[in-house]
Amino acid sequence: MLNPQFLINSYIFFLGCFGVLTNRRHFLVIIICIEMLLLSINMCFLTFSIFLDDILGHIFSFFILTVAAAESSIG
C-alpha cells in the first residue's frame, strides 16, 4: 500500500513538470515550477530517510535546498 505522502509528492512533481513544459515565456513561473520539483524531491528523500532510518536522505535534502536557494537568488 502506498503512503499518502508519496502520492502528494508525485502530484507536486508532475504539477511542476507540467508548469515547466507549458510556460515557456515566463521566466519566473519556470523558476517557481523548478522550485516545486526540487521540494517534492526533498520530501521524497526525507520520507525514505525516515522509513529506512538513515541520515543520507537528510544530507541530500540539505544539499538540494542549498541549490534551490542559489537558484531562487537568481530570480
Protein backbone atom coordinates (compact mmCIF):
# COMPACT_ATOMS: atom_id res chain seq x y z
CA MET A 1 0.00 0.00 0.00
CA LEU A 2 1.28 3.43 -0.91
CA ASN A 3 1.85 6.08 1.67
CA PRO A 4 -0.23 9.24 1.09
CA GLN A 5 2.98 11.26 1.34
CA PHE A 6 4.25 9.63 -1.88
CA LEU A 7 1.03 10.44 -3.68
CA ILE A 8 1.26 14.09 -2.65
CA ASN A 9 4.93 14.21 -3.69
CA SER A 10 4.20 12.71 -7.09
CA TYR A 11 1.32 15.14 -7.63
CA ILE A 12 3.56 18.13 -6.79
CA PHE A 13 6.33 16.75 -9.01
CA PHE A 14 4.08 16.27 -12.04
CA LEU A 15 2.47 19.65 -11.47
CA GLY A 16 5.93 21.22 -11.57
CA CYS A 17 6.82 19.30 -14.74
CA PHE A 18 3.59 20.41 -16.36
CA GLY A 19 4.31 24.02 -15.39
CA VAL A 20 7.80 23.93 -16.86
CA LEU A 21 6.58 22.38 -20.11
CA THR A 22 3.62 24.74 -20.62
CA ASN A 23 5.07 28.11 -19.54
CA ARG A 24 7.96 28.73 -21.87
CA ARG A 25 7.60 32.52 -21.94
CA HIS A 26 7.50 33.43 -18.27
CA PHE A 27 10.89 33.08 -16.59
CA LEU A 28 9.63 33.49 -13.02
CA VAL A 29 6.91 30.88 -13.46
CA ILE A 30 9.51 28.41 -14.71
CA ILE A 31 11.69 29.12 -11.66
CA ILE A 32 8.71 28.59 -9.35
CA CYS A 33 7.92 25.29 -11.06
CA ILE A 34 11.53 24.16 -10.72
CA GLU A 35 11.31 25.02 -7.02
CA MET A 36 8.22 22.80 -6.79
CA LEU A 37 10.16 19.97 -8.44
CA LEU A 38 13.06 20.33 -6.01
CA LEU A 39 10.79 20.50 -2.96
CA SER A 40 8.90 17.36 -3.97
CA ILE A 41 12.19 15.54 -4.43
CA ASN A 42 13.27 16.76 -0.98
CA MET A 43 10.09 15.45 0.59
CA CYS A 44 10.68 12.06 -1.07
CA PHE A 45 14.23 11.94 0.26
CA LEU A 46 13.05 12.82 3.76
CA THR A 47 10.22 10.28 3.68
CA PHE A 48 12.53 7.50 2.53
CA SER A 49 15.08 8.57 5.13
CA ILE A 50 12.51 8.22 7.90
CA PHE A 51 11.24 4.86 6.61
CA LEU A 52 14.73 3.41 6.21
CA ASP A 53 16.10 5.00 9.41
CA ASP A 54 19.04 6.53 7.54
CA ILE A 55 20.51 10.02 7.65
CA LEU A 56 21.60 10.19 4.00
CA GLY A 57 18.19 11.48 2.91
CA HIS A 58 18.53 14.43 5.26
CA ILE A 59 22.01 15.20 3.94
CA PHE A 60 20.87 15.08 0.29
CA SER A 61 17.89 17.24 1.17
CA PHE A 62 20.19 19.84 2.72
CA PHE A 63 22.32 19.99 -0.44
CA ILE A 64 19.28 20.27 -2.70
CA LEU A 65 17.91 23.10 -0.57
CA THR A 66 21.24 24.88 -0.95
CA VAL A 67 20.98 24.59 -4.74
CA ALA A 68 17.37 25.78 -4.62
CA ALA A 69 18.38 28.84 -2.59
CA ALA A 70 21.03 29.72 -5.13
CA GLU A 71 18.53 29.22 -7.94
CA SER A 72 15.95 31.45 -6.28
CA SER A 73 18.54 34.19 -5.71
CA ILE A 74 18.99 34.34 -9.48
CA GLY A 75 15.28 35.07 -9.89
